[in-house]
């Protein structure tokens, strides 16, 4: 590893602080330092002697066919083992999911258990909408539940040293590419780019144009999906030793040498090199890749199963047409970093029986279920020993995800993260469609953050 990343937290240090923060926070009934009383029906979890799960449980997730198909199977298995429980699953289109889940829960009309993205967790916790994860609620001591998960994945489901969700769908970024496109362009399909400079070179060979209009992008950014734009830029900047926000998340930090270099690279992919196109993203970058109008992109391990399903296995690992490789780095790299995120099973303060919600979340994150999610959907639920499980080598994407854990970094946790990623996406979109520069993006972003993060 070329350098240390400041946002990574050592397992021992993090777990020690987390255990203290969780116990103090549970007593307060809210985020650490916030004295928010819970009503009797929204009590902090406790484990009654001889507890038998019973009742109705509303669970909300975003639409994701491979993942939710398995989730429905697991719900049936859970209900069979616990016949007094009814689990009601609601899958919401991703474009609407975060807003609907947040506003409904805030109005006391939300789910008992929600699959929550790590980038939104701080906002939910800051608003008092989540019950802190007390290990006793799951029939284990706090140390036991914490020890199930590798420390590297816990910061994504924690805020102010308090655990608010059980991690699921951990991802870090890697390079996906179409091997057939590589062969057609005279490139070695078994030797993908390893540096961002090589991505440009390969992208120029892979791109197809009708005049100045790109009809096949040699490389395609996510462009219109805020969290993915943030993760892409975060990777570029972090590898150069910079950050998007300052250390405490109160100011923008892109008007630095690292920030400007990263943003110029991002913008110049279309504005200068003409190997990417904002117009090809609709309806999504994954659709463009599956449809053959993009040759390379960075994404998570879920991409393998997702692209195979979209193309009926025509573009897949099994067909030998889909390639995946370690995230590229800069030639003048200062840190081996790839951005990471996770989702988490969070118990909301709408839950009539938080213990039931915790019991089901515990079931979903046990190693047996975790391996099935990883194998069938490329969705990783890390647990101690997951890196040597058969699921970890089920396909090249899974294997690479495990290999890159130690170089992964989470975004800064801030309740205003939605403002951060949306502003960054808007500024880049303006530059890409209007011929702007990385310097302009950096200046406008940092200025906007001075207002938004006060």
Protein backbone atom coordinates (compact mmCIF):
# COMPACT_ATOMS: atom_id res chain seq x y z
CA UNK A 1 0.00 0.00 0.00
CA UNK A 2 1.51 3.28 -1.08
CA UNK A 3 0.02 5.38 1.71
CA UNK A 4 -2.37 5.44 4.60
CA UNK A 5 -5.89 6.78 4.19
CA UNK A 6 -7.08 9.11 6.95
CA UNK A 7 -10.69 7.93 6.76
CA UNK A 8 -9.84 4.32 7.53
CA UNK A 9 -10.31 3.26 11.13
CA UNK A 10 -8.26 0.49 12.69
CA UNK A 11 -10.47 -2.39 13.83
CA UNK A 12 -9.33 -2.39 17.46
CA UNK A 13 -9.60 1.40 17.83
CA UNK A 14 -12.98 1.58 16.13
CA UNK A 15 -14.57 -1.31 18.00
CA UNK A 16 -13.40 0.02 21.33
CA UNK A 17 -14.97 3.39 20.68
CA UNK A 18 -18.09 1.85 19.18
CA UNK A 19 -18.86 -0.37 22.13
CA UNK A 20 -18.68 2.63 24.48
CA UNK A 21 -20.69 4.82 22.13
CA UNK A 22 -23.40 2.20 21.63
CA UNK A 23 -24.06 1.62 25.32
CA UNK A 24 -24.21 5.33 26.11
CA UNK A 25 -26.38 6.06 23.10
CA UNK A 26 -28.86 3.28 23.85
CA UNK A 27 -29.50 4.78 27.27
CA UNK A 28 -30.24 8.13 25.65
CA UNK A 29 -32.44 6.51 23.00
CA UNK A 30 -30.81 8.45 20.17
CA UNK A 31 -27.54 9.49 18.57
CA UNK A 32 -24.57 9.82 20.86
CA UNK A 33 -24.89 13.00 22.86
CA UNK A 34 -28.58 13.47 22.07
CA UNK A 35 -31.07 12.93 24.89
CA UNK A 36 -34.14 11.86 22.92
CA UNK A 37 -36.60 9.85 24.98
CA UNK A 38 -38.25 6.83 23.41
CA UNK A 39 -41.92 6.11 24.01
CA UNK A 40 -42.67 2.80 25.78
CA UNK A 41 -43.44 1.06 22.48
CA UNK A 42 -40.15 2.32 21.04
CA UNK A 43 -38.00 1.20 23.90
CA UNK A 44 -34.31 0.36 23.49
CA UNK A 45 -33.99 -3.32 22.77
CA UNK A 46 -33.81 -5.86 25.56
CA UNK A 47 -33.85 -9.64 25.45
CA UNK A 48 -36.67 -11.15 27.51
CA UNK A 49 -36.07 -14.63 28.82
CA UNK A 50 -37.49 -17.25 26.44
CA UNK A 51 -38.30 -14.69 23.74
CA UNK A 52 -40.35 -16.12 20.87
CA UNK A 53 -40.65 -13.91 17.76
CA UNK A 54 -44.22 -13.01 16.89
CA UNK A 55 -46.12 -10.24 15.16
CA UNK A 56 -46.07 -8.38 11.87
CA UNK A 57 -42.91 -6.81 10.44
CA UNK A 58 -42.81 -4.23 7.64
CA UNK A 59 -39.53 -4.30 5.70
CA UNK A 60 -38.66 -1.75 3.00
CA UNK A 61 -35.96 -2.18 0.37
CA UNK A 62 -35.16 -0.70 -3.03
CA UNK A 63 -35.88 -2.68 -6.18
CA UNK A 64 -33.04 -5.05 -7.09
CA UNK A 65 -34.27 -8.21 -8.82
CA UNK A 66 -31.42 -10.67 -8.06
CA UNK A 67 -31.17 -9.54 -4.43
CA UNK A 68 -34.88 -9.33 -3.69
CA UNK A 69 -35.65 -12.70 -5.28
CA UNK A 70 -33.36 -14.29 -2.70
CA UNK A 71 -34.77 -12.05 0.04
CA UNK A 72 -38.28 -13.35 -0.68
CA UNK A 73 -36.97 -16.92 -0.37
CA UNK A 74 -35.33 -16.09 2.95
CA UNK A 75 -38.51 -14.45 4.23
CA UNK A 76 -40.39 -17.67 3.51
CA UNK A 77 -37.74 -19.66 5.38
CA UNK A 78 -37.83 -17.27 8.34
CA UNK A 79 -41.63 -17.43 8.55
CA UNK A 80 -41.52 -21.21 8.37
CA UNK A 81 -39.13 -21.30 11.32
CA UNK A 82 -41.14 -18.60 13.14
CA UNK A 83 -44.80 -19.31 12.26
CA UNK A 84 -46.12 -16.48 14.45
CA UNK A 85 -44.31 -13.86 12.35
CA UNK A 86 -45.55 -12.21 9.16
CA UNK A 87 -42.96 -10.27 7.15
CA UNK A 88 -44.36 -7.72 4.69
CA UNK A 89 -41.77 -6.79 2.07
CA UNK A 90 -42.09 -3.59 0.05
CA UNK A 91 -39.65 -3.04 -2.84
CA UNK A 92 -39.60 0.58 -4.02
CA UNK A 93 -38.02 1.83 -7.28
CA UNK A 94 -34.53 3.06 -6.44
CA UNK A 95 -35.16 6.57 -7.78
CA UNK A 96 -37.92 7.05 -5.19
CA UNK A 97 -36.66 4.85 -2.38
CA UNK A 98 -34.52 7.12 -0.22
CA UNK A 99 -36.97 10.02 -0.25
CA UNK A 100 -40.03 7.86 0.40
CA UNK A 101 -38.37 5.87 3.20
CA UNK A 102 -37.09 9.00 4.96
CA UNK A 103 -40.26 11.09 4.71
CA UNK A 104 -42.54 8.19 5.63
CA UNK A 105 -40.48 7.27 8.68
CA UNK A 106 -40.31 10.90 9.80
CA UNK A 107 -44.12 11.00 9.54
CA UNK A 108 -44.43 7.84 11.68
CA UNK A 109 -45.71 5.92 8.65
CA UNK A 110 -42.56 4.03 7.70
CA UNK A 111 -41.22 0.51 8.02
CA UNK A 112 -40.04 -1.38 11.08
CA UNK A 113 -36.85 -2.42 9.30
CA UNK A 114 -35.26 -0.55 6.40
CA UNK A 115 -32.35 -1.35 4.11
CA UNK A 116 -30.52 1.92 4.44
CA UNK A 117 -27.55 3.20 2.41
CA UNK A 118 -24.45 4.16 4.38
CA UNK A 119 -24.39 7.63 2.83
CA UNK A 120 -27.84 8.43 4.30
CA UNK A 121 -27.37 6.85 7.71
CA UNK A 122 -25.96 9.97 9.40
CA UNK A 123 -29.01 11.99 8.34
CA UNK A 124 -31.40 9.35 9.70
CA UNK A 125 -29.45 9.03 12.95
CA UNK A 126 -29.18 12.79 13.39
CA UNK A 127 -32.96 13.06 13.01
CA UNK A 128 -33.48 10.36 15.67
CA UNK A 129 -35.17 7.96 13.24
CA UNK A 130 -33.05 4.91 14.05
CA UNK A 131 -32.79 2.78 17.16
CA UNK A 132 -29.11 2.25 18.02
CA UNK A 133 -27.98 -1.34 17.60
CA UNK A 134 -27.78 -2.76 21.11
CA UNK A 135 -26.22 -6.20 20.90
CA UNK A 136 -28.45 -7.56 23.66
CA UNK A 137 -31.43 -7.12 21.35
CA UNK A 138 -30.12 -9.89 19.15
CA UNK A 139 -29.72 -12.41 21.93
CA UNK A 140 -25.99 -11.71 22.12
CA UNK A 141 -23.76 -9.38 24.05
CA UNK A 142 -22.59 -6.22 22.29
CA UNK A 143 -19.10 -7.69 21.91
CA UNK A 144 -20.50 -10.78 20.20
CA UNK A 145 -22.41 -8.88 17.54
CA UNK A 146 -19.49 -6.55 16.86
CA UNK A 147 -17.07 -9.43 16.54
CA UNK A 148 -19.17 -11.00 13.79
CA UNK A 149 -18.26 -8.21 11.37
CA UNK A 150 -14.82 -7.06 10.19
CA UNK A 151 -14.02 -3.67 11.67
CA UNK A 152 -13.31 -2.21 8.23
CA UNK A 153 -17.00 -2.33 7.26
CA UNK A 154 -18.51 -0.89 10.45
CA UNK A 155 -17.82 2.84 9.89
CA UNK A 156 -20.31 2.81 7.02
CA UNK A 157 -23.18 1.82 9.33
CA UNK A 158 -22.16 3.99 12.28
CA UNK A 159 -22.42 7.65 13.23
CA UNK A 160 -20.62 9.39 16.06
CA UNK A 161 -19.20 6.07 17.32
CA UNK A 162 -22.64 4.44 17.52
CA UNK A 163 -23.71 1.44 15.46
CA UNK A 164 -27.09 2.04 13.81
CA UNK A 165 -27.42 -0.87 11.39
CA UNK A 166 -26.10 -4.33 10.58
CA UNK A 167 -24.00 -4.15 7.40
CA UNK A 168 -25.22 -5.68 4.17
CA UNK A 169 -24.33 -5.11 0.53
CA UNK A 170 -20.78 -3.94 1.18
CA UNK A 171 -19.15 -2.80 -2.04
CA UNK A 172 -15.92 -1.25 -3.25
CA UNK A 173 -15.17 0.02 -6.73
CA UNK A 174 -13.49 -2.03 -9.45
CA UNK A 175 -13.08 -1.79 -13.23
CA UNK A 176 -15.49 -3.70 -15.49
CA UNK A 177 -14.88 -4.06 -19.20
CA UNK A 178 -16.28 -5.77 -22.28
CA UNK A 179 -13.72 -8.32 -23.47
CA UNK A 180 -15.26 -8.57 -26.94
CA UNK A 181 -14.84 -4.82 -27.41
CA UNK A 182 -11.20 -5.13 -26.36
CA UNK A 183 -10.56 -7.86 -28.94
CA UNK A 184 -12.34 -5.93 -31.69
CA UNK A 185 -10.20 -2.85 -30.92
CA UNK A 186 -6.95 -4.85 -31.05
CA UNK A 187 -6.47 -4.72 -27.27
CA UNK A 188 -5.54 -7.69 -25.10
CA UNK A 189 -8.76 -8.75 -23.30
CA UNK A 190 -6.67 -10.23 -20.51
CA UNK A 191 -4.64 -7.06 -19.92
CA UNK A 192 -7.03 -4.28 -18.85
CA UNK A 193 -5.76 -0.82 -17.89
CA UNK A 194 -4.05 -0.55 -14.51
CA UNK A 195 -3.65 3.25 -14.40
CA UNK A 196 -6.01 6.11 -15.16
CA UNK A 197 -3.64 7.20 -17.90
CA UNK A 198 -3.99 3.76 -19.51
CA UNK A 199 -7.79 4.04 -19.23
CA UNK A 200 -7.60 7.07 -21.56
CA UNK A 201 -5.38 5.19 -24.02
CA UNK A 202 -7.66 2.13 -24.08
CA UNK A 203 -10.75 4.34 -24.20
CA UNK A 204 -9.51 6.06 -27.33
CA UNK A 205 -9.11 2.70 -29.06
CA UNK A 206 -12.50 1.45 -27.86
CA UNK A 207 -14.61 4.51 -28.60
CA UNK A 208 -16.80 4.74 -31.69
CA UNK A 209 -18.09 8.02 -33.09
CA UNK A 210 -20.41 9.39 -35.74
CA UNK A 211 -18.57 12.58 -36.54
CA UNK A 212 -18.00 14.21 -33.14
CA UNK A 213 -20.84 12.28 -31.51
CA UNK A 214 -19.76 9.37 -29.34
CA UNK A 215 -21.89 6.33 -30.16
CA UNK A 216 -19.88 3.93 -28.03
CA UNK A 217 -18.03 5.26 -25.01
CA UNK A 218 -14.62 3.74 -24.46
CA UNK A 219 -15.20 4.57 -20.81
CA UNK A 220 -18.36 5.89 -19.17
CA UNK A 221 -18.80 7.71 -15.87
CA UNK A 222 -22.07 7.42 -13.93
CA UNK A 223 -22.67 11.19 -14.43
CA UNK A 224 -26.30 11.44 -13.20
CA UNK A 225 -26.33 9.20 -10.09
CA UNK A 226 -25.11 11.36 -7.18
CA UNK A 227 -23.70 8.67 -4.92
CA UNK A 228 -21.78 7.10 -7.77
CA UNK A 229 -20.41 10.42 -8.98
CA UNK A 230 -19.21 11.05 -5.42
CA UNK A 231 -17.59 7.60 -5.20
CA UNK A 232 -15.84 8.05 -8.56
CA UNK A 233 -14.43 11.46 -7.62
CA UNK A 234 -13.60 10.29 -4.10
CA UNK A 235 -11.48 7.47 -5.54
CA UNK A 236 -9.62 9.78 -7.93
CA UNK A 237 -8.97 12.42 -5.26
CA UNK A 238 -8.06 10.02 -2.44
CA UNK A 239 -5.48 8.25 -4.59
CA UNK A 240 -3.75 11.62 -4.98
CA UNK A 241 -3.78 12.23 -1.24
CA UNK A 242 -6.68 14.69 -1.26
CA UNK A 243 -10.25 14.70 0.05
CA UNK A 244 -13.60 16.01 -1.15
CA UNK A 245 -14.40 17.52 2.26
CA UNK A 246 -12.12 18.55 5.08
CA UNK A 247 -11.49 16.08 7.91
CA UNK A 248 -14.53 17.03 10.00
CA UNK A 249 -16.85 17.36 7.01
CA UNK A 250 -17.56 21.07 7.44
CA UNK A 251 -16.00 22.52 4.26
CA UNK A 252 -15.36 21.58 0.65
CA UNK A 253 -11.76 20.70 -0.15
CA UNK A 254 -11.64 20.25 -3.92
CA UNK A 255 -9.77 23.48 -4.72
CA UNK A 256 -6.53 21.66 -4.03
CA UNK A 257 -3.98 20.25 -6.45
CA UNK A 258 -5.41 16.75 -5.94
CA UNK A 259 -9.00 17.92 -6.33
CA UNK A 260 -8.37 19.91 -9.48
CA UNK A 261 -6.32 17.13 -11.10
CA UNK A 262 -9.07 14.61 -10.38
CA UNK A 263 -11.87 16.85 -11.62
CA UNK A 264 -10.03 17.82 -14.80
CA UNK A 265 -9.54 14.13 -15.54
CA UNK A 266 -13.23 13.46 -14.97
CA UNK A 267 -14.44 16.34 -17.12
CA UNK A 268 -11.80 15.93 -19.84
CA UNK A 269 -12.89 12.36 -20.49
CA UNK A 270 -15.72 13.84 -22.55
CA UNK A 271 -14.71 17.45 -23.16
CA UNK A 272 -11.15 16.86 -24.36
CA UNK A 273 -10.69 13.18 -25.18
CA UNK A 274 -14.25 12.60 -26.43
CA UNK A 275 -14.33 9.00 -25.25
CA UNK A 276 -17.27 9.41 -22.86
CA UNK A 277 -20.68 10.99 -23.35
CA UNK A 278 -23.24 12.37 -20.93
CA UNK A 279 -25.93 11.47 -23.48
CA UNK A 280 -25.24 7.72 -23.25
CA UNK A 281 -26.06 7.38 -19.54
CA UNK A 282 -29.85 7.27 -19.89
CA UNK A 283 -31.59 5.27 -18.57
CA UNK A 284 -28.51 4.15 -16.60
CA UNK A 285 -24.82 3.47 -17.02
CA UNK A 286 -25.44 -0.24 -16.46
CA UNK A 287 -27.98 -0.27 -19.29
CA UNK A 288 -25.41 1.43 -21.54
CA UNK A 289 -22.78 -1.14 -20.62
CA UNK A 290 -25.16 -4.08 -21.07
CA UNK A 291 -26.40 -2.64 -24.36
CA UNK A 292 -22.91 -2.30 -25.82
CA UNK A 293 -22.71 1.51 -25.88
CA UNK A 294 -19.99 1.57 -23.21
CA UNK A 295 -16.84 -0.55 -23.02
CA UNK A 296 -15.54 0.24 -19.52
CA UNK A 297 -16.90 1.58 -16.24
CA UNK A 298 -16.21 1.35 -12.53
CA UNK A 299 -18.83 -0.27 -10.36
CA UNK A 300 -19.30 -2.84 -7.57
CA UNK A 301 -19.28 -6.64 -7.50
CA UNK A 302 -23.06 -6.72 -7.96
CA UNK A 303 -22.41 -5.67 -11.57
CA UNK A 304 -21.44 -9.17 -12.68
CA UNK A 305 -24.77 -10.84 -11.84
CA UNK A 306 -26.70 -7.72 -12.85
CA UNK A 307 -25.16 -7.48 -16.33
CA UNK A 308 -25.48 -11.23 -16.89
CA UNK A 309 -29.20 -11.01 -16.06
CA UNK A 310 -29.71 -7.99 -18.34
CA UNK A 311 -28.01 -9.72 -21.28
CA UNK A 312 -29.23 -13.28 -20.66
CA UNK A 313 -25.63 -14.27 -19.94
CA UNK A 314 -24.32 -12.95 -23.29
CA UNK A 315 -22.10 -10.52 -21.35
CA UNK A 316 -20.96 -12.53 -18.36
CA UNK A 317 -18.06 -14.16 -16.58
CA UNK A 318 -19.29 -17.61 -17.65
CA UNK A 319 -19.38 -16.61 -21.32
CA UNK A 320 -15.86 -15.19 -21.07
CA UNK A 321 -17.07 -11.82 -22.36
CA UNK A 322 -17.11 -9.81 -19.11
CA UNK A 323 -13.86 -8.74 -17.51
CA UNK A 324 -13.18 -7.23 -14.09
CA UNK A 325 -9.97 -5.78 -12.70
CA UNK A 326 -8.54 -3.92 -9.73
CA UNK A 327 -9.45 -0.24 -9.59
CA UNK A 328 -6.96 1.78 -11.71
CA UNK A 329 -4.53 4.11 -9.95
CA UNK A 330 -2.57 7.18 -11.00
CA UNK A 331 0.96 6.91 -12.31
CA UNK A 332 1.90 9.40 -9.56
CA UNK A 333 -0.33 7.61 -7.04
CA UNK A 334 0.13 8.49 -3.37
CA UNK A 335 -2.33 5.97 -1.87
CA UNK A 336 -3.84 2.68 -3.03
CA UNK A 337 -7.47 3.55 -2.43
CA UNK A 338 -10.88 2.58 -3.75
CA UNK A 339 -14.07 4.16 -2.49
CA UNK A 340 -16.46 1.90 -0.60
CA UNK A 341 -19.99 1.94 0.65
CA UNK A 342 -22.47 -0.40 2.23
CA UNK A 343 -26.12 -0.66 3.05
CA UNK A 344 -27.40 -1.70 6.43
CA UNK A 345 -30.45 -3.19 8.08
CA UNK A 346 -31.65 -0.41 10.35
CA UNK A 347 -34.45 -0.62 12.91
CA UNK A 348 -36.54 2.54 12.71
CA UNK A 349 -38.23 4.35 15.55
CA UNK A 350 -41.55 3.39 13.90
CA UNK A 351 -41.07 -0.23 14.95
CA UNK A 352 -43.78 -1.57 17.28
CA UNK A 353 -41.38 -4.33 18.34
CA UNK A 354 -37.75 -3.34 17.76
CA UNK A 355 -36.65 -6.73 19.07
CA UNK A 356 -38.55 -8.53 16.28
CA UNK A 357 -36.97 -6.25 13.67
CA UNK A 358 -33.54 -6.91 15.18
CA UNK A 359 -34.17 -10.65 15.24
CA UNK A 360 -34.95 -10.68 11.52
CA UNK A 361 -31.94 -8.48 10.71
CA UNK A 362 -29.78 -10.86 12.70
CA UNK A 363 -31.14 -13.79 10.67
CA UNK A 364 -30.40 -12.03 7.36
CA UNK A 365 -26.78 -11.29 8.29
CA UNK A 366 -25.83 -14.72 9.61
CA UNK A 367 -23.01 -16.36 7.62
CA UNK A 368 -25.27 -18.91 5.90
CA UNK A 369 -27.55 -16.21 4.47
CA UNK A 370 -24.59 -13.92 3.78
CA UNK A 371 -22.98 -16.57 1.58
CA UNK A 372 -26.18 -17.00 -0.41
CA UNK A 373 -26.50 -13.27 -1.06
CA UNK A 374 -22.85 -13.10 -2.11
CA UNK A 375 -23.04 -16.10 -4.44
CA UNK A 376 -26.42 -15.41 -6.04
CA UNK A 377 -26.43 -11.62 -6.26
CA UNK A 378 -22.85 -10.41 -5.73
CA UNK A 379 -24.08 -8.66 -2.57
CA UNK A 380 -21.57 -9.00 0.25
CA UNK A 381 -22.49 -9.17 3.92
CA UNK A 382 -19.03 -9.35 5.49
CA UNK A 383 -18.52 -11.52 8.54
CA UNK A 384 -15.36 -12.82 10.14
CA UNK A 385 -14.17 -15.56 7.80
CA UNK A 386 -16.14 -14.40 4.76
CA UNK A 387 -12.93 -13.91 2.78
CA UNK A 388 -12.23 -17.66 2.83
CA UNK A 389 -15.80 -18.83 2.20
CA UNK A 390 -16.74 -20.51 -1.11
CA UNK A 391 -18.89 -17.45 -1.89
CA UNK A 392 -15.79 -15.25 -1.89
CA UNK A 393 -14.44 -17.12 -4.91
CA UNK A 394 -17.79 -17.74 -6.62
CA UNK A 395 -16.86 -15.32 -9.40
CA UNK A 396 -14.04 -12.87 -10.21
CA UNK A 397 -15.96 -9.84 -8.93
CA UNK A 398 -16.54 -11.39 -5.52
CA UNK A 399 -12.91 -12.39 -5.25
CA UNK A 400 -11.74 -8.89 -6.15
CA UNK A 401 -14.12 -7.29 -3.67
CA UNK A 402 -12.49 -9.29 -0.87
CA UNK A 403 -8.99 -8.49 -2.07
CA UNK A 404 -9.70 -4.74 -2.08
CA UNK A 405 -11.16 -4.45 1.44
CA UNK A 406 -7.92 -3.19 2.97
CA UNK A 407 -7.64 -0.40 0.41
CA UNK A 408 -11.25 0.75 0.81
CA UNK A 409 -12.37 4.06 2.31
CA UNK A 410 -15.83 5.32 3.23
CA UNK A 411 -17.11 8.83 2.57
CA UNK A 412 -17.11 11.27 5.48
CA UNK A 413 -20.28 10.76 7.54
CA UNK A 414 -22.31 13.95 7.67
CA UNK A 415 -26.07 14.49 8.04
CA UNK A 416 -25.85 16.77 4.99
CA UNK A 417 -24.26 14.21 2.70
CA UNK A 418 -27.17 14.42 0.25
CA UNK A 419 -26.30 18.09 -0.31
CA UNK A 420 -22.67 17.18 -0.89
CA UNK A 421 -23.16 14.46 -3.49
CA UNK A 422 -25.98 16.32 -5.27
CA UNK A 423 -23.96 19.53 -5.55
CA UNK A 424 -20.94 17.66 -6.87
CA UNK A 425 -23.09 15.87 -9.46
CA UNK A 426 -24.74 19.11 -10.59
CA UNK A 427 -21.45 20.97 -10.94
CA UNK A 428 -19.85 18.15 -12.94
CA UNK A 429 -22.96 17.87 -15.13
CA UNK A 430 -22.79 21.59 -15.85
CA UNK A 431 -19.10 21.36 -16.77
CA UNK A 432 -19.51 18.29 -18.96
CA UNK A 433 -22.50 19.60 -20.89
CA UNK A 434 -21.27 23.19 -21.02
CA UNK A 435 -17.57 22.76 -21.71
CA UNK A 436 -16.38 23.73 -18.23
CA UNK A 437 -13.17 22.82 -16.42
CA UNK A 438 -12.17 20.99 -13.29
CA UNK A 439 -11.05 24.27 -11.73
CA UNK A 440 -14.52 25.71 -12.23
CA UNK A 441 -16.16 22.66 -10.70
CA UNK A 442 -13.86 22.79 -7.67
CA UNK A 443 -14.41 26.49 -7.05
CA UNK A 444 -18.20 26.27 -7.41
CA UNK A 445 -18.42 23.15 -5.24
CA UNK A 446 -16.31 24.54 -2.40
CA UNK A 447 -18.27 27.77 -2.44
CA UNK A 448 -21.58 25.88 -2.28
CA UNK A 449 -20.29 23.77 0.63
CA UNK A 450 -19.49 26.91 2.63
CA UNK A 451 -23.21 27.61 2.59
CA UNK A 452 -24.54 24.06 2.86
CA UNK A 453 -22.32 22.73 5.65
CA UNK A 454 -22.54 25.64 8.06
